[in-house]
Amino acid sequence: MAIRPELRNELFNLSPEERQMLAEELYESLVDDPLEPEWEKAWSQEITQRVQEIVDGSVVLVDVDEVHAELRAELHDSTR
């Protein structure tokens, strides 16, 4: 089912904050079951660890544009 162009235009005319709220509501409507508590805890610990690694400087952050460029180059090379 396609989204009517008028509705699409109306949605894109929402403020960034309104679009974010809508996106979150739409995402939540797709998730059948909430995460089980042990999964929620595990993800929370993983996020905390990753943030700490960034703060400590023990990981090297790579700009997403660089990653995309490298992937495109690899894909280009592999098709030859």
PDB file of N, CA and C in Angstrom:
ATOM      1  N   MET A   1       0.838  -1.173   0.000  1.00  0.00           N
ATOM      2  CA  MET A   1       0.000   0.000   0.000  1.00  0.00           C
ATOM      3  C   MET A   1       0.883   1.237   0.000  1.00  0.00           C
ATOM      4  N   ALA A   2       0.655   2.108  -0.940  1.00  0.00           N
ATOM      5  CA  ALA A   2       1.456   3.327  -1.059  1.00  0.00           C
ATOM      6  C   ALA A   2       0.865   4.440  -0.194  1.00  0.00           C
ATOM      7  N   ILE A   3       1.722   5.290   0.269  1.00  0.00           N
ATOM      8  CA  ILE A   3       1.274   6.455   1.039  1.00  0.00           C
ATOM      9  C   ILE A   3       0.852   7.538   0.058  1.00  0.00           C
ATOM     10  N   ARG A   4      -0.321   8.103   0.302  1.00  0.00           N
ATOM     11  CA  ARG A   4      -0.808   9.172  -0.566  1.00  0.00           C
ATOM     12  C   ARG A   4       0.183  10.335  -0.554  1.00  0.00           C
ATOM     13  N   PRO A   5       0.458  10.927  -1.721  1.00  0.00           N
ATOM     14  CA  PRO A   5       1.426  12.031  -1.783  1.00  0.00           C
ATOM     15  C   PRO A   5       1.069  13.184  -0.840  1.00  0.00           C
ATOM     16  N   GLU A   6      -0.222  13.474  -0.687  1.00  0.00           N
ATOM     17  CA  GLU A   6      -0.621  14.575   0.206  1.00  0.00           C
ATOM     18  C   GLU A   6      -0.228  14.262   1.652  1.00  0.00           C
ATOM     19  N   LEU A   7      -0.469  13.013   2.062  1.00  0.00           N
ATOM     20  CA  LEU A   7      -0.124  12.613   3.429  1.00  0.00           C
ATOM     21  C   LEU A   7       1.390  12.633   3.605  1.00  0.00           C
ATOM     22  N   ARG A   8       2.115  12.114   2.622  1.00  0.00           N
ATOM     23  CA  ARG A   8       3.583  12.114   2.683  1.00  0.00           C
ATOM     24  C   ARG A   8       4.104  13.542   2.839  1.00  0.00           C
ATOM     25  N   ASN A   9       3.578  14.476   2.035  1.00  0.00           N
ATOM     26  CA  ASN A   9       4.014  15.877   2.125  1.00  0.00           C
ATOM     27  C   ASN A   9       3.691  16.455   3.493  1.00  0.00           C
ATOM     28  N   GLU A  10       2.504  16.128   4.011  1.00  0.00           N
ATOM     29  CA  GLU A  10       2.110  16.637   5.321  1.00  0.00           C
ATOM     30  C   GLU A  10       3.060  16.115   6.405  1.00  0.00           C
ATOM     31  N   LEU A  11       3.409  14.851   6.318  1.00  0.00           N
ATOM     32  CA  LEU A  11       4.309  14.263   7.306  1.00  0.00           C
ATOM     33  C   LEU A  11       5.699  14.892   7.242  1.00  0.00           C
ATOM     34  N   PHE A  12       6.192  15.126   6.024  1.00  0.00           N
ATOM     35  CA  PHE A  12       7.521  15.734   5.894  1.00  0.00           C
ATOM     36  C   PHE A  12       7.535  17.207   6.273  1.00  0.00           C
ATOM     37  N   ASN A  13       6.368  17.812   6.387  1.00  0.00           N
ATOM     38  CA  ASN A  13       6.292  19.199   6.831  1.00  0.00           C
ATOM     39  C   ASN A  13       6.233  19.328   8.347  1.00  0.00           C
ATOM     40  N   LEU A  14       6.183  18.191   9.053  1.00  0.00           N
ATOM     41  CA  LEU A  14       6.232  18.233  10.512  1.00  0.00           C
ATOM     42  C   LEU A  14       7.617  18.697  10.944  1.00  0.00           C
ATOM     43  N   SER A  15       7.687  19.239  12.142  1.00  0.00           N
ATOM     44  CA  SER A  15       8.989  19.643  12.677  1.00  0.00           C
ATOM     45  C   SER A  15       9.835  18.395  12.919  1.00  0.00           C
ATOM     46  N   PRO A  16      11.147  18.554  13.009  1.00  0.00           N
ATOM     47  CA  PRO A  16      11.992  17.398  13.301  1.00  0.00           C
ATOM     48  C   PRO A  16      11.567  16.673  14.581  1.00  0.00           C
ATOM     49  N   GLU A  17      11.185  17.420  15.593  1.00  0.00           N
ATOM     50  CA  GLU A  17      10.759  16.811  16.852  1.00  0.00           C
ATOM     51  C   GLU A  17       9.485  15.994  16.655  1.00  0.00           C
ATOM     52  N   GLU A  18       8.528  16.538  15.883  1.00  0.00           N
ATOM     53  CA  GLU A  18       7.284  15.809  15.627  1.00  0.00           C
ATOM     54  C   GLU A  18       7.540  14.552  14.804  1.00  0.00           C
ATOM     55  N   ARG A  19       8.442  14.650  13.819  1.00  0.00           N
ATOM     56  CA  ARG A  19       8.775  13.470  13.013  1.00  0.00           C
ATOM     57  C   ARG A  19       9.447  12.405  13.872  1.00  0.00           C
ATOM     58  N   GLN A  20      10.316  12.835  14.794  1.00  0.00           N
ATOM     59  CA  GLN A  20      10.972  11.894  15.707  1.00  0.00           C
ATOM     60  C   GLN A  20       9.938  11.178  16.562  1.00  0.00           C
ATOM     61  N   MET A  21       8.997  11.929  17.128  1.00  0.00           N
ATOM     62  CA  MET A  21       7.958  11.324  17.957  1.00  0.00           C
ATOM     63  C   MET A  21       7.130  10.328  17.142  1.00  0.00           C
ATOM     64  N   LEU A  22       6.775  10.704  15.920  1.00  0.00           N
ATOM     65  CA  LEU A  22       5.997   9.827  15.055  1.00  0.00           C
ATOM     66  C   LEU A  22       6.784   8.565  14.718  1.00  0.00           C
ATOM     67  N   ALA A  23       8.058   8.741  14.412  1.00  0.00           N
ATOM     68  CA  ALA A  23       8.903   7.590  14.086  1.00  0.00           C
ATOM     69  C   ALA A  23       8.973   6.625  15.268  1.00  0.00           C
ATOM     70  N   GLU A  24       9.115   7.162  16.468  1.00  0.00           N
ATOM     71  CA  GLU A  24       9.169   6.315  17.655  1.00  0.00           C
ATOM     72  C   GLU A  24       7.850   5.578  17.860  1.00  0.00           C
ATOM     73  N   GLU A  25       6.734   6.266  17.665  1.00  0.00           N
ATOM     74  CA  GLU A  25       5.428   5.630  17.818  1.00  0.00           C
ATOM     75  C   GLU A  25       5.228   4.539  16.768  1.00  0.00           C
ATOM     76  N   LEU A  26       5.638   4.817  15.526  1.00  0.00           N
ATOM     77  CA  LEU A  26       5.510   3.811  14.471  1.00  0.00           C
ATOM     78  C   LEU A  26       6.376   2.601  14.776  1.00  0.00           C
ATOM     79  N   TYR A  27       7.602   2.849  15.225  1.00  0.00           N
ATOM     80  CA  TYR A  27       8.495   1.746  15.570  1.00  0.00           C
ATOM     81  C   TYR A  27       7.890   0.897  16.682  1.00  0.00           C
ATOM     82  N   GLU A  28       7.401   1.565  17.722  1.00  0.00           N
ATOM     83  CA  GLU A  28       6.804   0.842  18.843  1.00  0.00           C
ATOM     84  C   GLU A  28       5.612   0.002  18.389  1.00  0.00           C
ATOM     85  N   SER A  29       4.888   0.486  17.380  1.00  0.00           N
ATOM     86  CA  SER A  29       3.734  -0.269  16.891  1.00  0.00           C
ATOM     87  C   SER A  29       4.165  -1.538  16.154  1.00  0.00           C
ATOM     88  N   LEU A  30       5.421  -1.602  15.732  1.00  0.00           N
ATOM     89  CA  LEU A  30       5.936  -2.780  15.030  1.00  0.00           C
ATOM     90  C   LEU A  30       6.509  -3.824  15.968  1.00  0.00           C
ATOM     91  N   VAL A  31       6.870  -3.400  17.154  1.00  0.00           N
ATOM     92  CA  VAL A  31       7.464  -4.299  18.128  1.00  0.00           C
ATOM     93  C   VAL A  31       6.341  -5.034  18.849  1.00  0.00           C
ATOM     94  N   ASP A  32       6.320  -6.352  18.680  1.00  0.00           N
ATOM     95  CA  ASP A  32       5.251  -7.148  19.279  1.00  0.00           C
ATOM     96  C   ASP A  32       5.348  -7.218  20.795  1.00  0.00           C
ATOM     97  N   ASP A  33       6.515  -7.583  21.268  1.00  0.00           N
ATOM     98  CA  ASP A  33       6.697  -7.781  22.700  1.00  0.00           C
ATOM     99  C   ASP A  33       7.835  -6.903  23.196  1.00  0.00           C
ATOM    100  N   PRO A  34       7.688  -6.366  24.390  1.00  0.00           N
ATOM    101  CA  PRO A  34       8.823  -5.614  24.944  1.00  0.00           C
ATOM    102  C   PRO A  34       9.975  -6.573  25.230  1.00  0.00           C
ATOM    103  N   LEU A  35      11.169  -6.014  25.335  1.00  0.00           N
ATOM    104  CA  LEU A  35      12.331  -6.842  25.648  1.00  0.00           C
ATOM    105  C   LEU A  35      12.151  -7.492  27.012  1.00  0.00           C
ATOM    106  N   GLU A  36      12.656  -8.703  27.112  1.00  0.00           N
ATOM    107  CA  GLU A  36      12.627  -9.373  28.406  1.00  0.00           C
ATOM    108  C   GLU A  36      13.603  -8.643  29.321  1.00  0.00           C
ATOM    109  N   PRO A  37      13.313  -8.626  30.618  1.00  0.00           N
ATOM    110  CA  PRO A  37      14.173  -7.871  31.552  1.00  0.00           C
ATOM    111  C   PRO A  37      15.650  -8.210  31.451  1.00  0.00           C
ATOM    112  N   GLU A  38      15.992  -9.494  31.261  1.00  0.00           N
ATOM    113  CA  GLU A  38      17.422  -9.843  31.189  1.00  0.00           C
ATOM    114  C   GLU A  38      18.066  -9.294  29.916  1.00  0.00           C
ATOM    115  N   TRP A  39      17.297  -9.237  28.812  1.00  0.00           N
ATOM    116  CA  TRP A  39      17.816  -8.637  27.578  1.00  0.00           C
ATOM    117  C   TRP A  39      17.975  -7.138  27.767  1.00  0.00           C
ATOM    118  N   GLU A  40      17.003  -6.519  28.385  1.00  0.00           N
ATOM    119  CA  GLU A  40      17.068  -5.078  28.660  1.00  0.00           C
ATOM    120  C   GLU A  40      18.301  -4.763  29.496  1.00  0.00           C
ATOM    121  N   LYS A  41      18.561  -5.559  30.519  1.00  0.00           N
ATOM    122  CA  LYS A  41      19.714  -5.363  31.390  1.00  0.00           C
ATOM    123  C   LYS A  41      21.017  -5.566  30.611  1.00  0.00           C
ATOM    124  N   ALA A  42      21.062  -6.626  29.794  1.00  0.00           N
ATOM    125  CA  ALA A  42      22.268  -6.908  29.015  1.00  0.00           C
ATOM    126  C   ALA A  42      22.580  -5.770  28.046  1.00  0.00           C
ATOM    127  N   TRP A  43      21.553  -5.266  27.361  1.00  0.00           N
ATOM    128  CA  TRP A  43      21.772  -4.157  26.427  1.00  0.00           C
ATOM    129  C   TRP A  43      22.197  -2.898  27.166  1.00  0.00           C
ATOM    130  N   SER A  44      21.607  -2.663  28.317  1.00  0.00           N
ATOM    131  CA  SER A  44      21.980  -1.492  29.110  1.00  0.00           C
ATOM    132  C   SER A  44      23.452  -1.568  29.519  1.00  0.00           C
ATOM    133  N   GLN A  45      23.891  -2.744  29.930  1.00  0.00           N
ATOM    134  CA  GLN A  45      25.297  -2.927  30.315  1.00  0.00           C
ATOM    135  C   GLN A  45      26.222  -2.742  29.106  1.00  0.00           C
ATOM    136  N   GLU A  46      25.801  -3.272  27.954  1.00  0.00           N
ATOM    137  CA  GLU A  46      26.604  -3.140  26.729  1.00  0.00           C
ATOM    138  C   GLU A  46      26.743  -1.670  26.335  1.00  0.00           C
ATOM    139  N   ILE A  47      25.654  -0.944  26.395  1.00  0.00           N
ATOM    140  CA  ILE A  47      25.681   0.481  26.046  1.00  0.00           C
ATOM    141  C   ILE A  47      26.582   1.241  27.011  1.00  0.00           C
ATOM    142  N   THR A  48      26.442   0.952  28.298  1.00  0.00           N
ATOM    143  CA  THR A  48      27.281   1.611  29.304  1.00  0.00           C
ATOM    144  C   THR A  48      28.754   1.340  29.039  1.00  0.00           C
ATOM    145  N   GLN A  49      29.083   0.089  28.715  1.00  0.00           N
ATOM    146  CA  GLN A  49      30.476  -0.273  28.430  1.00  0.00           C
ATOM    147  C   GLN A  49      30.994   0.472  27.203  1.00  0.00           C
ATOM    148  N   ARG A  50      30.187   0.516  26.149  1.00  0.00           N
ATOM    149  CA  ARG A  50      30.633   1.181  24.918  1.00  0.00           C
ATOM    150  C   ARG A  50      30.820   2.676  25.125  1.00  0.00           C
ATOM    151  N   VAL A  51      29.921   3.291  25.873  1.00  0.00           N
ATOM    152  CA  VAL A  51      30.066   4.722  26.164  1.00  0.00           C
ATOM    153  C   VAL A  51      31.338   4.960  26.962  1.00  0.00           C
ATOM    154  N   GLN A  52      31.609   4.098  27.951  1.00  0.00           N
ATOM    155  CA  GLN A  52      32.820   4.254  28.761  1.00  0.00           C
ATOM    156  C   GLN A  52      34.070   4.115  27.910  1.00  0.00           C
ATOM    157  N   GLU A  53      34.056   3.185  26.951  1.00  0.00           N
ATOM    158  CA  GLU A  53      35.204   3.017  26.057  1.00  0.00           C
ATOM    159  C   GLU A  53      35.444   4.277  25.226  1.00  0.00           C
ATOM    160  N   ILE A  54      34.364   4.919  24.813  1.00  0.00           N
ATOM    161  CA  ILE A  54      34.493   6.170  24.055  1.00  0.00           C
ATOM    162  C   ILE A  54      35.068   7.262  24.946  1.00  0.00           C
ATOM    163  N   VAL A  55      34.530   7.373  26.157  1.00  0.00           N
ATOM    164  CA  VAL A  55      35.010   8.390  27.104  1.00  0.00           C
ATOM    165  C   VAL A  55      36.481   8.162  27.438  1.00  0.00           C
ATOM    166  N   ASP A  56      36.859   6.899  27.644  1.00  0.00           N
ATOM    167  CA  ASP A  56      38.253   6.566  27.979  1.00  0.00           C
ATOM    168  C   ASP A  56      39.197   6.738  26.798  1.00  0.00           C
ATOM    169  N   GLY A  57      38.665   6.758  25.603  1.00  0.00           N
ATOM    170  CA  GLY A  57      39.502   6.849  24.422  1.00  0.00           C
ATOM    171  C   GLY A  57      40.135   5.521  24.037  1.00  0.00           C
ATOM    172  N   SER A  58      39.557   4.424  24.528  1.00  0.00           N
ATOM    173  CA  SER A  58      40.144   3.109  24.246  1.00  0.00           C
ATOM    174  C   SER A  58      39.634   2.501  22.936  1.00  0.00           C
ATOM    175  N   VAL A  59      38.744   3.207  22.254  1.00  0.00           N
ATOM    176  CA  VAL A  59      38.274   2.747  20.944  1.00  0.00           C
ATOM    177  C   VAL A  59      38.478   3.870  19.936  1.00  0.00           C
ATOM    178  N   VAL A  60      38.626   3.490  18.689  1.00  0.00           N
ATOM    179  CA  VAL A  60      38.784   4.471  17.625  1.00  0.00           C
ATOM    180  C   VAL A  60      37.435   4.624  16.933  1.00  0.00           C
ATOM    181  N   LEU A  61      36.925   5.831  16.929  1.00  0.00           N
ATOM    182  CA  LEU A  61      35.655   6.089  16.261  1.00  0.00           C
ATOM    183  C   LEU A  61      35.927   6.426  14.800  1.00  0.00           C
ATOM    184  N   VAL A  62      35.094   5.888  13.929  1.00  0.00           N
ATOM    185  CA  VAL A  62      35.249   6.116  12.504  1.00  0.00           C
ATOM    186  C   VAL A  62      33.983   6.790  11.995  1.00  0.00           C
ATOM    187  N   ASP A  63      34.166   7.878  11.257  1.00  0.00           N
ATOM    188  CA  ASP A  63      33.039   8.614  10.706  1.00  0.00           C
ATOM    189  C   ASP A  63      32.249   7.733   9.751  1.00  0.00           C
ATOM    190  N   VAL A  64      30.939   7.799   9.836  1.00  0.00           N
ATOM    191  CA  VAL A  64      30.078   6.947   9.012  1.00  0.00           C
ATOM    192  C   VAL A  64      30.315   7.166   7.521  1.00  0.00           C
ATOM    193  N   ASP A  65      30.636   8.390   7.118  1.00  0.00           N
ATOM    194  CA  ASP A  65      30.909   8.656   5.706  1.00  0.00           C
ATOM    195  C   ASP A  65      32.154   7.890   5.238  1.00  0.00           C
ATOM    196  N   GLU A  66      33.157   7.781   6.120  1.00  0.00           N
ATOM    197  CA  GLU A  66      34.358   7.014   5.785  1.00  0.00           C
ATOM    198  C   GLU A  66      34.020   5.531   5.633  1.00  0.00           C
ATOM    199  N   VAL A  67      33.205   5.020   6.547  1.00  0.00           N
ATOM    200  CA  VAL A  67      32.807   3.608   6.482  1.00  0.00           C
ATOM    201  C   VAL A  67      32.063   3.333   5.185  1.00  0.00           C
ATOM    202  N   HIS A  68      31.106   4.204   4.852  1.00  0.00           N
ATOM    203  CA  HIS A  68      30.343   4.024   3.615  1.00  0.00           C
ATOM    204  C   HIS A  68      31.253   4.076   2.388  1.00  0.00           C
ATOM    205  N   ALA A  69      32.196   4.999   2.378  1.00  0.00           N
ATOM    206  CA  ALA A  69      33.119   5.114   1.244  1.00  0.00           C
ATOM    207  C   ALA A  69      33.964   3.845   1.108  1.00  0.00           C
ATOM    208  N   GLU A  70      34.447   3.330   2.233  1.00  0.00           N
ATOM    209  CA  GLU A  70      35.243   2.102   2.190  1.00  0.00           C
ATOM    210  C   GLU A  70      34.407   0.927   1.701  1.00  0.00           C
ATOM    211  N   LEU A  71      33.168   0.832   2.167  1.00  0.00           N
ATOM    212  CA  LEU A  71      32.295  -0.261   1.721  1.00  0.00           C
ATOM    213  C   LEU A  71      31.996  -0.157   0.228  1.00  0.00           C
ATOM    214  N   ARG A  72      31.731   1.063  -0.243  1.00  0.00           N
ATOM    215  CA  ARG A  72      31.482   1.248  -1.679  1.00  0.00           C
ATOM    216  C   ARG A  72      32.707   0.849  -2.491  1.00  0.00           C
ATOM    217  N   ALA A  73      33.885   1.223  -2.016  1.00  0.00           N
ATOM    218  CA  ALA A  73      35.119   0.870  -2.720  1.00  0.00           C
ATOM    219  C   ALA A  73      35.309  -0.644  -2.747  1.00  0.00           C
ATOM    220  N   GLU A  74      35.061  -1.305  -1.624  1.00  0.00           N
ATOM    221  CA  GLU A  74      35.186  -2.764  -1.581  1.00  0.00           C
ATOM    222  C   GLU A  74      34.191  -3.429  -2.520  1.00  0.00           C
ATOM    223  N   LEU A  75      32.961  -2.954  -2.520  1.00  0.00           N
ATOM    224  CA  LEU A  75      31.949  -3.514  -3.418  1.00  0.00           C
ATOM    225  C   LEU A  75      32.327  -3.291  -4.864  1.00  0.00           C
ATOM    226  N   HIS A  76      32.847  -2.103  -5.154  1.00  0.00           N
ATOM    227  CA  HIS A  76      33.267  -1.785  -6.516  1.00  0.00           C
ATOM    228  C   HIS A  76      34.399  -2.706  -6.964  1.00  0.00           C
ATOM    229  N   ASP A  77      35.372  -2.903  -6.074  1.00  0.00           N
ATOM    230  CA  ASP A  77      36.512  -3.767  -6.392  1.00  0.00           C
ATOM    231  C   ASP A  77      36.088  -5.229  -6.551  1.00  0.00           C
ATOM    232  N   SER A  78      35.111  -5.661  -5.766  1.00  0.00           N
ATOM    233  CA  SER A  78      34.709  -7.065  -5.814  1.00  0.00           C
ATOM    234  C   SER A  78      33.877  -7.391  -7.067  1.00  0.00           C
ATOM    235  N   THR A  79      33.346  -6.373  -7.724  1.00  0.00           N
ATOM    236  CA  THR A  79      32.549  -6.615  -8.939  1.00  0.00           C
ATOM    237  C   THR A  79      33.411  -6.648 -10.182  1.00  0.00           C
ATOM    238  N   ARG A  80      34.681  -6.414 -10.033  1.00  0.00           N
ATOM    239  CA  ARG A  80      35.582  -6.434 -11.204  1.00  0.00           C
ATOM    240  C   ARG A  80      36.008  -7.822 -11.527  1.00  0.00           C
TER     241      ARG A  80
END
